[in-house]
Amino acid sequence: MRFISEPPIPVKIQKMKERVRWMHPSIVQRGIDQTAMVLDDGKEENPEFSFLVMGDSGTQSHYQQNPQRLVAELMLPHLEECRFALHTGDVVYMVGSHEYYPQNFIEPYREFLVGGENWKNIHSDRMVFKTPILPVLGNHDYYDVPLMYRLIAGMTLPLRKLFRYKDVEIGWHGSNQGKAYAQAFLDYLKAYLSPEQIALHLDKYYTGKTDTGRCLRYQPGHFTRLPNRYYTFRYGGIDFFALDSNTFNKPIPLPDTLEGTNYRQKLAKQRQEIEQEELQLLEACNKCDPENSEQLDALQAKLYQIDEVKIDIEKQLASHAEDTTDWEQLQWLRDRLIASWENPQVRGRIIYFHHPPFVTEASKWHQAQTLAVRRRLRWVFDAVAAKVTNITEGRSIVDLIFNGHAHCLEYLHTVDTGHADSHLNCIICGGSGRRPRRQRPEGGDLAEIFEVPEGRVIRKVADSKLFLGRNGYSSTKRLPYSSLRVDVQPGNPPKFILKPLVVERFAGEWHYPELEPLIMG
């Protein structure tokens, strides 16, 4: 039995459309754009502003330690100056369940919330943000657990908590195909049963105006819902695009050739080896002294790392010729980027989503999902470049890309790839709470196989300029957790100053190293 399941891409898309009542007659009649919002805090026209970035945070499974809260505390002194926080996904581990929102999101970020001083009284579907947290969906926010395992996990939860045994972040529920996330963050219009209720709600909260029509007005402290699973907003002359990469990360189907057959056999063998290693790690966890929390945490970190590799293998083996890629979202991004470049009021563009297109973290860099996201984003950028080359004046299609999924802080800069994803600034901010991961042994130069008329060639596509993740072993082991502060400067093109906020576990103590800012633009 698989302990974790994930809905197919068409199910994800359809369920989320139902929850926001996509293209409901009342919405169409009012000319509302369900993919746009106005962040109305009275300062959105100021070209000089700051914001925070975090990701892969939603966990407390570190026994007596809570690095997620420590990272949150690092951000608190910046709340007065930062207008909002971007979250790159995996809001709540392990399976996005509403029952874990209180301890894995509401409590650690209580200062961001209205009434946060009494955080135990805040329900996940009733959150109102003083300082906006603007998330995207991670893979864990879509996960579910089969009924039989939920029953076992739910009934043993008190015992597991008592003895701090194994991972206690699976209980009675899963995400219900992303429903918990939708109820927590989206404008859950499905809750309104009558057309009259919907109409009243739209007339009250969809009063913002953009170039594409009316839109949701996000008001910190009052109404803090997002319009859709992917959305855009403009702040200080910068266009932000939040994407749901869970619906365009399906691996490219393996070819129906001898080469494809051989590769399938190789993947099947690799999966079998991983399953054997999983059993060995589980046995080691069972034998581990529950009081030795850091040793148990290290074993579980390895277990979850290889489990993610297995999930990627299963996605490849399950891939077939039917194309379920979310082209609707990708075409939306293409069209909105073109419109953004054609608008003289826009001076910069930032995209954020969960799965990184470029990464050197050991468990993610070679995954088929990583390559799938890269190639689909490349398709978008190439299409945009074909329309706006005379406008860009040598600038990259977007100024910054923020991702999560890889549990680290990494800055990569793409080289000349031969496509419009050249010279991008890619920042992975996925180290805000979940167990940090190592960089791959091969180092920071990232290459890719390209198909050309002469055959296949290998080209370098990116350089890793900074990697902050698990490193060292035993007494020299370091576990850094991180978030970012981003300062946006006036001017066109804008300058961005990225300041890492880091807390590190080393030699049984917590340390607060200071890193030099990254300056881009």
Protein backbone atom coordinates (compact mmCIF):
# COMPACT_ATOMS: atom_id res chain seq x y z
CA MET A 1 0.00 0.00 0.00
CA ARG A 2 1.23 3.50 -0.82
CA PHE A 3 1.03 5.63 2.32
CA ILE A 4 0.79 8.90 0.37
CA SER A 5 -1.29 9.55 -2.73
CA GLU A 6 -1.57 12.52 -5.06
CA PRO A 7 -4.54 13.36 -7.28
CA PRO A 8 -4.05 13.39 -11.07
CA ILE A 9 -3.49 16.76 -12.71
CA PRO A 10 -7.00 16.98 -14.26
CA VAL A 11 -8.52 16.33 -10.82
CA LYS A 12 -6.41 19.07 -9.21
CA ILE A 13 -7.49 21.55 -11.86
CA GLN A 14 -11.18 20.65 -11.73
CA LYS A 15 -11.42 20.59 -7.93
CA MET A 16 -9.81 24.00 -7.60
CA LYS A 17 -12.09 25.46 -10.27
CA GLU A 18 -15.11 24.17 -8.38
CA ARG A 19 -13.90 25.75 -5.14
CA VAL A 20 -13.60 29.25 -6.60
CA ARG A 21 -16.69 28.77 -8.82
CA TRP A 22 -14.60 29.36 -11.91
CA MET A 23 -16.48 31.41 -14.53
CA HIS A 24 -19.72 31.40 -12.57
CA PRO A 25 -22.40 33.45 -14.39
CA SER A 26 -22.30 36.14 -11.67
CA ILE A 27 -18.54 36.43 -12.15
CA VAL A 28 -18.73 36.59 -15.93
CA GLN A 29 -21.59 39.09 -15.81
CA ARG A 30 -19.50 41.48 -13.70
CA GLY A 31 -16.41 41.19 -15.89
CA ILE A 32 -14.30 39.83 -13.04
CA ASP A 33 -10.81 38.48 -13.69
CA GLN A 34 -10.42 35.54 -11.30
CA THR A 35 -6.65 35.43 -11.74
CA ALA A 36 -5.89 38.98 -10.60
CA MET A 37 -6.04 40.90 -7.36
CA VAL A 38 -5.19 44.31 -5.99
CA LEU A 39 -3.15 44.33 -2.77
CA ASP A 40 -4.71 47.38 -1.17
CA ASP A 41 -2.57 48.48 1.78
CA GLY A 42 -2.34 52.15 0.83
CA LYS A 43 1.33 51.84 -0.13
CA GLU A 44 1.13 49.77 -3.30
CA GLU A 45 2.22 52.67 -5.54
CA ASN A 46 5.51 53.24 -3.70
CA PRO A 47 8.39 52.03 -5.94
CA GLU A 48 10.63 51.40 -2.92
CA PHE A 49 9.39 48.52 -0.80
CA SER A 50 10.44 45.28 0.86
CA PHE A 51 8.99 41.81 1.20
CA LEU A 52 9.88 38.43 2.72
CA VAL A 53 10.20 35.00 1.11
CA MET A 54 9.93 31.59 2.78
CA GLY A 55 9.02 28.06 1.78
CA ASP A 56 8.74 24.39 2.76
CA SER A 57 8.06 25.50 6.28
CA GLY A 58 5.00 23.68 7.56
CA THR A 59 6.47 21.23 10.05
CA GLN A 60 7.27 20.68 13.69
CA SER A 61 8.61 17.16 13.32
CA HIS A 62 11.93 17.96 14.92
CA TYR A 63 10.96 16.70 18.36
CA GLN A 64 12.31 19.15 20.93
CA GLN A 65 13.37 21.66 18.27
CA ASN A 66 11.20 23.97 16.17
CA PRO A 67 13.32 25.55 13.43
CA GLN A 68 10.21 26.80 11.64
CA ARG A 69 9.42 29.04 14.59
CA LEU A 70 13.04 30.19 14.83
CA VAL A 71 12.94 31.24 11.17
CA ALA A 72 9.65 33.04 11.81
CA GLU A 73 11.24 34.88 14.73
CA LEU A 74 14.04 36.02 12.42
CA MET A 75 11.41 37.67 10.23
CA LEU A 76 9.55 39.45 13.04
CA PRO A 77 11.88 42.49 13.24
CA HIS A 78 11.24 43.05 9.52
CA LEU A 79 7.44 43.00 9.62
CA GLU A 80 7.10 46.74 10.09
CA GLU A 81 9.10 47.46 6.93
CA CYS A 82 8.04 44.49 4.78
CA ARG A 83 4.73 44.78 2.98
CA PHE A 84 4.05 41.06 2.54
CA ALA A 85 5.64 37.60 2.49
CA LEU A 86 5.73 35.17 -0.42
CA HIS A 87 5.47 31.48 0.45
CA THR A 88 6.87 29.04 -2.12
CA GLY A 89 4.68 26.11 -1.06
CA ASP A 90 4.39 23.09 1.22
CA VAL A 91 2.54 25.18 3.75
CA VAL A 92 1.64 22.18 5.93
CA TYR A 93 3.33 18.77 6.14
CA MET A 94 2.97 15.89 5.64
CA VAL A 95 -0.28 15.74 3.73
CA GLY A 96 -1.70 19.26 3.92
CA SER A 97 -4.29 18.32 6.53
CA HIS A 98 -6.42 21.00 8.17
CA GLU A 99 -5.76 19.34 11.55
CA TYR A 100 -2.09 20.37 11.33
CA TYR A 101 -2.65 24.00 10.34
CA PRO A 102 -2.82 25.16 13.99
CA GLN A 103 0.59 23.81 15.02
CA ASN A 104 2.35 23.96 11.64
CA PHE A 105 1.18 27.32 10.34
CA ILE A 106 -1.02 29.38 12.65
CA GLU A 107 1.13 29.10 15.78
CA PRO A 108 4.55 29.74 14.17
CA TYR A 109 3.26 32.71 12.13
CA ARG A 110 0.84 34.08 14.72
CA GLU A 111 2.32 37.59 14.55
CA PHE A 112 1.26 37.78 10.90
CA LEU A 113 -2.38 37.14 11.85
CA VAL A 114 -5.18 39.26 13.25
CA GLY A 115 -5.82 37.88 16.74
CA GLY A 116 -2.59 35.92 16.66
CA GLU A 117 -2.02 36.50 20.37
CA ASN A 118 -4.88 34.02 20.84
CA TRP A 119 -3.81 31.74 18.02
CA LYS A 120 -5.54 28.68 19.47
CA ASN A 121 -8.88 30.34 18.70
CA ILE A 122 -8.07 30.83 15.01
CA HIS A 123 -9.44 28.22 12.62
CA SER A 124 -7.53 27.54 9.43
CA ASP A 125 -10.50 28.58 7.28
CA ARG A 126 -10.95 31.85 9.17
CA MET A 127 -7.47 33.36 8.99
CA VAL A 128 -7.08 37.10 8.39
CA PHE A 129 -3.57 38.44 7.86
CA LYS A 130 -2.18 41.68 9.23
CA THR A 131 0.97 41.11 7.21
CA PRO A 132 -0.05 39.17 4.10
CA ILE A 133 1.38 35.72 3.51
CA LEU A 134 0.83 35.03 -0.20
CA PRO A 135 1.40 31.32 -0.87
CA VAL A 136 1.42 28.92 -3.78
CA LEU A 137 0.58 25.24 -3.56
CA GLY A 138 3.33 22.72 -2.89
CA ASN A 139 3.08 19.01 -3.59
CA HIS A 140 2.43 18.26 0.10
CA ASP A 141 -0.53 20.66 0.02
CA TYR A 142 -2.20 18.27 -2.46
CA TYR A 143 -1.29 14.97 -0.78
CA ASP A 144 -3.69 12.48 0.76
CA VAL A 145 -3.47 9.24 2.71
CA PRO A 146 -5.48 6.05 2.05
CA LEU A 147 -8.33 5.50 4.52
CA MET A 148 -6.81 2.44 6.20
CA TYR A 149 -3.55 4.23 6.97
CA ARG A 150 -5.43 7.32 8.18
CA LEU A 151 -7.34 5.15 10.64
CA ILE A 152 -4.12 3.62 11.93
CA ALA A 153 -2.33 6.97 12.07
CA GLY A 154 -5.27 8.72 13.72
CA MET A 155 -5.77 6.11 16.42
CA THR A 156 -2.07 5.92 17.29
CA LEU A 157 -1.48 9.69 17.21
CA PRO A 158 -1.71 10.24 21.00
CA LEU A 159 0.70 7.36 21.64
CA ARG A 160 3.16 8.60 19.03
CA LYS A 161 3.07 12.09 20.51
CA LEU A 162 3.60 10.73 24.01
CA PHE A 163 6.71 8.81 23.04
CA ARG A 164 7.87 11.25 20.31
CA TYR A 165 7.92 8.20 18.07
CA LYS A 166 8.38 8.51 14.33
CA ASP A 167 6.65 11.29 12.44
CA VAL A 168 3.46 12.57 14.07
CA GLU A 169 2.34 14.74 11.17
CA ILE A 170 -0.19 12.30 9.72
CA GLY A 171 -3.48 11.95 11.53
CA TRP A 172 -7.11 11.45 10.63
CA HIS A 173 -7.08 13.54 7.44
CA GLY A 174 -5.17 14.39 4.29
CA SER A 175 -5.48 17.54 2.20
CA ASN A 176 -8.66 16.23 0.53
CA GLN A 177 -7.16 16.96 -2.90
CA GLY A 178 -6.05 20.44 -1.84
CA LYS A 179 -9.31 21.39 -0.13
CA ALA A 180 -7.64 22.32 3.17
CA TYR A 181 -5.34 24.78 1.38
CA ALA A 182 -8.25 26.20 -0.63
CA GLN A 183 -10.32 26.80 2.50
CA ALA A 184 -7.36 28.36 4.26
CA PHE A 185 -6.20 30.77 1.55
CA LEU A 186 -8.54 31.00 -1.44
CA ASP A 187 -11.81 32.88 -1.73
CA TYR A 188 -13.82 29.71 -1.25
CA LEU A 189 -16.91 30.71 -3.21
CA LYS A 190 -18.19 27.15 -3.14
CA ALA A 191 -19.30 27.85 0.44
CA TYR A 192 -21.96 30.24 -0.88
CA LEU A 193 -24.97 28.21 -1.89
CA SER A 194 -27.27 30.74 -3.53
CA PRO A 195 -26.68 33.10 -6.47
CA GLU A 196 -27.77 35.97 -4.21
CA GLN A 197 -25.06 35.19 -1.66
CA ILE A 198 -22.44 35.00 -4.39
CA ALA A 199 -23.59 38.29 -5.90
CA LEU A 200 -23.45 40.11 -2.55
CA HIS A 201 -19.98 38.73 -1.87
CA LEU A 202 -18.65 39.73 -5.29
CA ASP A 203 -20.04 43.24 -5.00
CA LYS A 204 -18.43 43.66 -1.59
CA TYR A 205 -14.96 42.21 -2.17
CA TYR A 206 -14.33 42.31 -5.92
CA THR A 207 -14.04 46.06 -6.27
CA GLY A 208 -10.45 46.26 -7.50
CA LYS A 209 -9.73 47.33 -11.06
CA THR A 210 -6.98 46.19 -13.41
CA ASP A 211 -6.37 46.25 -17.15
CA THR A 212 -8.24 42.94 -17.40
CA GLY A 213 -11.39 43.97 -15.53
CA ARG A 214 -12.67 43.93 -11.99
CA CYS A 215 -10.80 41.81 -9.49
CA LEU A 216 -10.53 40.81 -5.86
CA ARG A 217 -9.39 43.53 -3.46
CA TYR A 218 -7.01 42.06 -0.89
CA GLN A 219 -7.14 44.23 2.24
CA PRO A 220 -4.69 43.37 5.03
CA GLY A 221 -6.45 43.16 8.36
CA HIS A 222 -9.88 42.88 6.77
CA PHE A 223 -10.21 40.55 3.78
CA THR A 224 -7.19 38.43 2.90
CA ARG A 225 -8.31 35.80 0.43
CA LEU A 226 -6.63 34.88 -2.85
CA PRO A 227 -8.67 34.70 -6.05
CA ASN A 228 -7.34 31.44 -7.47
CA ARG A 229 -4.62 28.78 -7.23
CA TYR A 230 -2.57 30.91 -9.66
CA TYR A 231 -2.84 34.67 -9.68
CA THR A 232 -1.10 37.98 -10.34
CA PHE A 233 -0.84 41.33 -8.60
CA ARG A 234 1.13 44.53 -9.09
CA TYR A 235 3.01 46.28 -6.32
CA GLY A 236 5.37 49.23 -6.65
CA GLY A 237 5.45 48.83 -10.42
CA ILE A 238 6.48 45.16 -10.16
CA ASP A 239 4.21 42.45 -11.56
CA PHE A 240 4.11 39.33 -9.39
CA PHE A 241 2.95 36.01 -10.86
CA ALA A 242 2.08 33.15 -8.49
CA LEU A 243 1.83 29.75 -10.20
CA ASP A 244 0.64 26.24 -9.37
CA SER A 245 3.50 24.11 -10.70
CA ASN A 246 1.82 20.91 -9.49
CA THR A 247 -0.17 20.92 -12.73
CA PHE A 248 2.71 21.31 -15.19
CA ASN A 249 5.37 19.11 -13.57
CA LYS A 250 4.34 15.79 -15.11
CA PRO A 251 7.42 14.04 -16.54
CA ILE A 252 7.69 13.91 -20.29
CA PRO A 253 6.50 10.43 -21.44
CA LEU A 254 9.21 7.85 -22.02
CA PRO A 255 9.57 6.94 -25.70
CA ASP A 256 7.98 3.74 -26.96
CA THR A 257 11.34 2.50 -28.23
CA LEU A 258 14.01 0.03 -27.17
CA GLU A 259 15.78 2.88 -25.39
CA GLY A 260 12.56 3.75 -23.56
CA THR A 261 11.99 0.13 -22.57
CA ASN A 262 15.52 -0.17 -21.21
CA TYR A 263 15.09 3.03 -19.23
CA ARG A 264 11.80 1.80 -17.75
CA GLN A 265 13.54 -1.36 -16.60
CA LYS A 266 16.31 0.73 -15.07
CA LEU A 267 13.75 2.85 -13.21
CA ALA A 268 11.90 -0.23 -11.96
CA LYS A 269 15.14 -1.68 -10.62
CA GLN A 270 16.02 1.62 -8.97
CA ARG A 271 12.60 1.74 -7.32
CA GLN A 272 13.10 -1.77 -5.96
CA GLU A 273 16.48 -0.77 -4.51
CA ILE A 274 14.94 2.29 -2.88
CA GLU A 275 12.21 0.18 -1.31
CA GLN A 276 14.85 -2.09 0.20
CA GLU A 277 16.72 0.93 1.55
CA GLU A 278 13.46 2.27 3.00
CA LEU A 279 12.95 -0.96 4.94
CA GLN A 280 16.48 -0.74 6.31
CA LEU A 281 15.96 2.87 7.39
CA LEU A 282 12.62 2.05 9.02
CA GLU A 283 14.28 -0.75 10.96
CA ALA A 284 17.02 1.64 12.05
CA CYS A 285 14.35 4.14 13.18
CA ASN A 286 12.62 1.43 15.20
CA LYS A 287 15.88 0.56 16.96
CA CYS A 288 16.82 4.18 17.60
CA ASP A 289 16.51 5.52 21.13
CA PRO A 290 13.51 7.93 21.12
CA GLU A 291 15.51 10.25 23.39
CA ASN A 292 18.19 10.61 20.70
CA SER A 293 16.07 13.03 18.72
CA GLU A 294 18.79 14.31 16.40
CA GLN A 295 19.84 10.82 15.30
CA LEU A 296 16.21 9.91 14.66
CA ASP A 297 15.73 13.16 12.77
CA ALA A 298 18.74 12.38 10.55
CA LEU A 299 17.40 8.91 9.74
CA GLN A 300 14.00 10.31 8.87
CA ALA A 301 15.57 13.02 6.72
CA LYS A 302 17.24 10.31 4.67
CA LEU A 303 14.01 8.31 4.55
CA TYR A 304 11.96 11.20 3.20
CA GLN A 305 14.67 12.14 0.73
CA ILE A 306 14.75 8.74 -0.95
CA ASP A 307 10.95 8.53 -0.77
CA GLU A 308 10.73 11.67 -2.91
CA VAL A 309 13.09 10.07 -5.42
CA LYS A 310 10.78 7.05 -5.50
CA ILE A 311 7.74 9.28 -6.09
CA ASP A 312 9.51 10.87 -9.05
CA ILE A 313 10.35 7.43 -10.46
CA GLU A 314 6.72 6.38 -10.12
CA LYS A 315 5.62 9.52 -11.95
CA GLN A 316 7.96 8.63 -14.80
CA LEU A 317 6.77 5.03 -14.96
CA ALA A 318 3.15 6.20 -14.93
CA SER A 319 3.66 8.81 -17.65
CA HIS A 320 2.08 8.04 -21.00
CA ALA A 321 1.26 9.74 -24.25
CA GLU A 322 -1.86 11.51 -22.93
CA ASP A 323 -0.94 15.13 -22.30
CA THR A 324 -2.46 16.37 -19.04
CA THR A 325 -0.22 19.42 -18.76
CA ASP A 326 -2.02 22.53 -17.53
CA TRP A 327 -1.65 24.48 -20.77
CA GLU A 328 -4.44 26.83 -19.71
CA GLN A 329 -2.25 28.16 -16.90
CA LEU A 330 0.90 28.26 -19.03
CA GLN A 331 -0.86 30.15 -21.81
CA TRP A 332 -2.26 32.54 -19.21
CA LEU A 333 1.28 33.18 -17.97
CA ARG A 334 2.51 33.71 -21.53
CA ASP A 335 -0.21 36.24 -22.30
CA ARG A 336 0.14 38.10 -19.00
CA LEU A 337 3.92 38.37 -19.37
CA ILE A 338 3.50 39.80 -22.86
CA ALA A 339 0.96 42.31 -21.55
CA SER A 340 3.29 43.16 -18.68
CA TRP A 341 6.14 43.97 -21.06
CA GLU A 342 3.84 46.06 -23.23
CA ASN A 343 2.71 48.14 -20.24
CA PRO A 344 5.06 51.13 -19.69
CA GLN A 345 3.91 51.39 -16.06
CA VAL A 346 5.53 48.03 -15.22
CA ARG A 347 9.24 48.09 -14.43
CA GLY A 348 9.86 44.51 -13.34
CA ARG A 349 8.49 40.99 -13.13
CA ILE A 350 8.76 38.30 -10.42
CA ILE A 351 7.47 34.73 -10.68
CA TYR A 352 7.13 32.32 -7.79
CA PHE A 353 6.02 28.69 -7.68
CA HIS A 354 6.96 25.47 -5.93
CA HIS A 355 9.00 23.18 -8.21
CA PRO A 356 12.35 24.70 -9.25
CA PRO A 357 13.36 24.56 -12.92
CA PHE A 358 17.04 24.84 -11.96
CA VAL A 359 18.50 23.40 -8.74
CA THR A 360 21.57 21.52 -7.48
CA GLU A 361 20.07 20.06 -4.29
CA ALA A 362 20.97 16.36 -4.25
CA SER A 363 17.47 14.87 -4.40
CA LYS A 364 15.93 17.31 -6.90
CA TRP A 365 18.44 18.33 -9.56
CA HIS A 366 18.04 15.19 -11.70
CA GLN A 367 14.33 14.56 -11.18
CA ALA A 368 12.12 14.25 -14.23
CA GLN A 369 9.72 16.76 -12.66
CA THR A 370 12.51 19.36 -12.53
CA LEU A 371 13.24 18.95 -16.22
CA ALA A 372 9.52 18.99 -17.09
CA VAL A 373 8.99 22.30 -15.28
CA ARG A 374 12.10 23.76 -16.90
CA ARG A 375 11.00 22.85 -20.41
CA ARG A 376 7.44 24.07 -19.97
CA LEU A 377 8.63 27.35 -18.52
CA ARG A 378 11.12 27.60 -21.38
CA TRP A 379 8.21 27.21 -23.82
CA VAL A 380 6.47 30.14 -22.14
CA PHE A 381 9.56 32.35 -22.14
CA ASP A 382 10.39 31.58 -25.77
CA ALA A 383 6.85 32.51 -26.77
CA VAL A 384 7.05 35.77 -24.79
CA ALA A 385 10.45 36.66 -26.23
CA ALA A 386 9.14 36.19 -29.76
CA LYS A 387 6.62 38.96 -29.09
CA VAL A 388 8.58 41.46 -26.98
CA THR A 389 12.21 41.24 -28.11
CA ASN A 390 12.10 44.83 -29.35
CA ILE A 391 10.96 45.98 -25.88
CA THR A 392 13.18 44.03 -23.49
CA GLU A 393 16.44 45.78 -24.49
CA GLY A 394 18.54 42.81 -23.45
CA ARG A 395 16.81 42.19 -20.12
CA SER A 396 15.71 38.70 -19.13
CA ILE A 397 12.01 37.87 -19.44
CA VAL A 398 11.61 38.03 -15.65
CA ASP A 399 13.82 39.64 -13.03
CA LEU A 400 13.52 37.01 -10.31
CA ILE A 401 12.15 33.48 -9.94
CA PHE A 402 11.46 32.16 -6.44
CA ASN A 403 10.91 28.45 -5.80
CA GLY A 404 10.76 25.96 -2.95
CA HIS A 405 10.58 22.14 -2.98
CA ALA A 406 14.35 21.79 -2.50
CA HIS A 407 15.10 22.19 1.21
CA CYS A 408 17.86 24.75 0.96
CA LEU A 409 18.62 28.34 0.10
CA GLU A 410 20.20 28.53 -3.33
CA TYR A 411 20.92 31.21 -5.90
CA LEU A 412 21.46 30.06 -9.48
CA HIS A 413 22.10 32.18 -12.54
CA THR A 414 21.37 30.66 -15.93
CA VAL A 415 23.89 31.06 -18.73
CA ASP A 416 23.13 31.27 -22.45
CA THR A 417 20.85 28.26 -22.91
CA GLY A 418 20.00 29.10 -26.50
CA HIS A 419 16.50 29.99 -25.31
CA ALA A 420 14.69 32.80 -23.52
CA ASP A 421 15.43 31.25 -20.12
CA SER A 422 18.98 32.60 -20.43
CA HIS A 423 20.45 34.92 -17.79
CA LEU A 424 17.73 34.33 -15.20
CA ASN A 425 18.11 34.88 -11.47
CA CYS A 426 16.66 31.79 -9.80
CA ILE A 427 16.37 31.72 -6.02
CA ILE A 428 15.29 28.63 -4.13
CA CYS A 429 13.89 29.45 -0.72
CA GLY A 430 12.79 26.07 0.58
CA GLY A 431 14.71 25.90 3.83
CA SER A 432 12.26 27.57 6.21
CA GLY A 433 11.48 24.61 8.44
CA ARG A 434 11.66 21.21 6.79
CA ARG A 435 14.84 19.16 7.10
CA PRO A 436 17.68 20.75 5.06
CA ARG A 437 19.18 18.81 2.17
CA ARG A 438 22.70 18.60 0.78
CA GLN A 439 24.02 19.88 -2.50
CA ARG A 440 24.76 17.22 -5.08
CA PRO A 441 28.35 15.87 -5.07
CA GLU A 442 28.81 17.02 -8.67
CA GLY A 443 28.83 20.64 -7.52
CA GLY A 444 27.24 23.82 -8.80
CA ASP A 445 27.64 23.65 -12.59
CA LEU A 446 24.34 22.46 -14.03
CA ALA A 447 24.20 20.89 -17.50
CA GLU A 448 21.38 19.64 -19.72
CA ILE A 449 21.04 17.31 -22.71
CA PHE A 450 19.69 19.06 -25.80
CA GLU A 451 18.35 17.41 -28.94
CA VAL A 452 19.89 18.95 -32.06
CA PRO A 453 19.84 17.84 -35.72
CA GLU A 454 23.25 16.23 -35.27
CA GLY A 455 22.07 14.25 -32.24
CA ARG A 456 22.38 14.99 -28.54
CA VAL A 457 24.68 17.56 -27.00
CA ILE A 458 25.35 18.44 -23.38
CA ARG A 459 25.41 22.14 -22.55
CA LYS A 460 25.91 24.02 -19.34
CA VAL A 461 22.69 25.83 -18.39
CA ALA A 462 23.26 27.35 -14.93
CA ASP A 463 25.78 28.22 -12.23
CA SER A 464 25.02 27.84 -8.55
CA LYS A 465 26.32 31.03 -6.93
CA LEU A 466 25.21 30.23 -3.38
CA PHE A 467 24.07 27.03 -1.71
CA LEU A 468 23.05 26.87 1.92
CA GLY A 469 21.93 23.42 3.01
CA ARG A 470 22.88 20.44 5.13
CA ASN A 471 26.63 19.94 5.17
CA GLY A 472 29.24 18.10 7.19
CA TYR A 473 28.81 14.88 9.13
CA SER A 474 28.64 13.82 12.75
CA SER A 475 30.33 16.48 14.91
CA THR A 476 30.80 18.83 11.92
CA LYS A 477 27.19 18.59 10.68
CA ARG A 478 25.44 21.89 10.07
CA LEU A 479 21.70 22.31 9.51
CA PRO A 480 20.88 25.82 8.24
CA TYR A 481 17.29 27.05 8.02
CA SER A 482 16.47 30.22 6.15
CA SER A 483 14.19 32.84 4.70
CA LEU A 484 14.84 36.02 2.71
CA ARG A 485 14.21 39.71 2.89
CA VAL A 486 14.02 41.39 -0.51
CA ASP A 487 14.44 45.16 -0.84
CA VAL A 488 13.16 46.60 -4.12
CA GLN A 489 14.83 49.84 -5.15
CA PRO A 490 13.29 52.62 -7.27
CA GLY A 491 14.24 52.92 -10.92
CA ASN A 492 13.71 51.13 -14.19
CA PRO A 493 15.05 48.51 -14.35
CA PRO A 494 14.81 48.02 -10.59
CA LYS A 495 17.56 46.79 -8.31
CA PHE A 496 16.88 43.98 -5.84
CA ILE A 497 18.81 43.43 -2.61
CA LEU A 498 18.30 39.95 -1.15
CA LYS A 499 19.24 39.50 2.50
CA PRO A 500 19.38 35.89 3.78
CA LEU A 501 17.94 35.37 7.27
CA VAL A 502 19.58 32.24 8.68
CA VAL A 503 19.48 30.16 11.84
CA GLU A 504 21.75 27.11 12.00
CA ARG A 505 21.91 24.02 14.17
CA PHE A 506 25.52 23.09 14.90
CA ALA A 507 27.09 21.04 17.70
CA GLY A 508 23.79 20.85 19.55
CA GLU A 509 23.31 24.62 19.63
CA TRP A 510 21.53 27.27 17.55
CA HIS A 511 23.63 29.90 15.80
CA TYR A 512 22.74 32.95 13.73
CA PRO A 513 25.29 33.42 10.94
CA GLU A 514 25.15 36.59 8.87
CA LEU A 515 25.51 36.30 5.11
CA GLU A 516 26.34 39.05 2.65
CA PRO A 517 23.35 40.39 0.70
CA LEU A 518 22.86 39.39 -2.93
CA ILE A 519 22.44 42.35 -5.27
CA MET A 520 20.66 41.87 -8.59
CA GLY A 521 19.65 44.27 -11.31
